[in-house]
Amino acid sequence: MSSEDIVEVLVQLSGGTELLFGNTRQLTIKLDKIADKRCDLQQLIDCLKTDHLKERPELFVIGNTVRPGILVLVNDVDWELLGQLQYQLKHNDRVLFISTLHGG
């Protein structure tokens, strides 16, 4: 597989999401482009859930998306403005997951 078939993104975790990933605040994720040579946020979330999430998946995902209360920013832009799960990742994108939920 050539480097043209890979998208590398920086994932940052904050606000408590890092605890679900073994206290990791930053991950570099390499994703294979799918058949149509695209790579979207859905693929990234699936990869994080399957390969990197260490505990309590219900606090990170619900169904096939992040649970309500987790803010997702791509290059400092709210993912809701970018098409959410369908956003096509580009090489060196920075994706930040911040939990806005706090227990007491």
Protein backbone atom coordinates (compact mmCIF):
# COMPACT_ATOMS: atom_id res chain seq x y z
CA MET A 1 0.00 0.00 0.00
CA SER A 2 1.44 3.38 -0.99
CA SER A 3 1.43 6.54 1.09
CA GLU A 4 -1.27 7.87 -1.25
CA ASP A 5 -3.61 5.21 0.16
CA ILE A 6 -3.10 6.38 3.76
CA VAL A 7 -4.51 9.39 5.61
CA GLU A 8 -2.65 10.33 8.79
CA VAL A 9 -4.51 12.45 11.34
CA LEU A 10 -3.70 13.77 14.78
CA VAL A 11 -6.35 12.94 17.39
CA GLN A 12 -6.42 14.98 20.58
CA LEU A 13 -8.47 14.01 23.63
CA SER A 14 -9.53 16.39 26.38
CA GLY A 15 -12.14 17.14 29.04
CA GLY A 16 -12.18 13.54 30.29
CA THR A 17 -12.16 11.66 26.99
CA GLU A 18 -8.46 10.98 27.49
CA LEU A 19 -9.36 8.80 30.52
CA LEU A 20 -11.24 6.41 28.23
CA PHE A 21 -8.08 5.98 26.16
CA GLY A 22 -5.70 5.08 29.00
CA ASN A 23 -4.89 8.71 29.90
CA THR A 24 -3.67 9.35 26.37
CA ARG A 25 -4.09 12.94 25.25
CA GLN A 26 -2.82 12.56 21.71
CA LEU A 27 -2.76 9.82 19.07
CA THR A 28 -1.48 9.74 15.53
CA ILE A 29 -3.85 7.58 13.52
CA LYS A 30 -3.15 6.18 10.07
CA LEU A 31 -6.26 5.21 8.15
CA ASP A 32 -6.48 3.28 4.89
CA LYS A 33 -8.52 5.00 2.24
CA ILE A 34 -11.52 2.91 1.30
CA ALA A 35 -12.35 1.72 -2.21
CA ASP A 36 -13.38 5.14 -3.47
CA LYS A 37 -10.10 6.61 -2.13
CA ARG A 38 -11.85 8.47 0.67
CA CYS A 39 -11.52 8.50 4.41
CA ASP A 40 -14.18 10.04 6.67
CA LEU A 41 -14.82 10.77 10.33
CA GLN A 42 -16.98 7.65 10.58
CA GLN A 43 -13.92 5.56 9.74
CA LEU A 44 -11.85 7.43 12.34
CA ILE A 45 -14.44 6.93 15.09
CA ASP A 46 -14.71 3.22 14.24
CA CYS A 47 -10.91 2.91 14.43
CA LEU A 48 -10.75 4.72 17.77
CA LYS A 49 -13.52 2.53 19.20
CA THR A 50 -12.05 -0.73 17.93
CA ASP A 51 -8.31 -0.19 18.31
CA HIS A 52 -7.71 2.49 20.96
CA LEU A 53 -10.59 2.79 23.43
CA LYS A 54 -9.53 1.19 26.72
CA GLU A 55 -12.67 1.37 28.86
CA ARG A 56 -16.34 2.37 29.07
CA PRO A 57 -17.14 2.66 25.37
CA GLU A 58 -20.65 3.88 26.25
CA LEU A 59 -19.06 7.14 27.43
CA PHE A 60 -17.51 7.75 24.01
CA VAL A 61 -19.85 6.27 21.41
CA ILE A 62 -23.53 5.58 20.98
CA GLY A 63 -24.39 3.53 17.93
CA ASN A 64 -22.04 4.61 15.16
CA THR A 65 -21.27 8.13 16.40
CA VAL A 66 -19.87 9.95 19.40
CA ARG A 67 -22.31 10.34 22.24
CA PRO A 68 -24.03 13.66 22.93
CA GLY A 69 -21.86 15.81 25.16
CA ILE A 70 -18.66 15.22 23.23
CA LEU A 71 -17.61 18.18 21.15
CA VAL A 72 -15.73 17.27 17.97
CA LEU A 73 -13.52 19.85 16.28
CA VAL A 74 -11.63 19.34 13.04
CA ASN A 75 -8.83 21.87 12.66
CA ASP A 76 -10.63 24.03 15.27
CA VAL A 77 -13.97 23.94 13.39
CA ASP A 78 -17.08 22.29 14.87
CA TRP A 79 -17.74 19.09 12.94
CA GLU A 80 -21.42 20.02 12.66
CA LEU A 81 -20.37 22.70 10.17
CA LEU A 82 -18.34 20.16 8.20
CA GLY A 83 -20.89 17.38 7.71
CA GLN A 84 -20.16 15.37 10.87
CA LEU A 85 -19.51 11.68 10.10
CA GLN A 86 -19.29 12.29 6.36
CA TYR A 87 -16.46 14.84 6.61
CA GLN A 88 -13.62 13.65 4.37
CA LEU A 89 -10.39 13.62 6.36
CA LYS A 90 -7.29 15.06 4.82
CA HIS A 91 -3.68 14.22 5.59
CA ASN A 92 -2.54 16.02 8.78
CA ASP A 93 -6.04 17.04 9.91
CA ARG A 94 -6.27 17.59 13.67
CA VAL A 95 -9.38 16.09 15.29
CA LEU A 96 -10.15 17.08 18.88
CA PHE A 97 -12.67 15.25 21.08
CA ILE A 98 -13.68 17.21 24.21
CA SER A 99 -16.15 15.91 26.77
CA THR A 100 -18.49 18.61 27.98
CA LEU A 101 -20.06 16.28 30.57
CA HIS A 102 -18.80 16.43 34.12
CA GLY A 103 -19.77 14.22 37.00
CA GLY A 104 -20.04 15.29 40.57
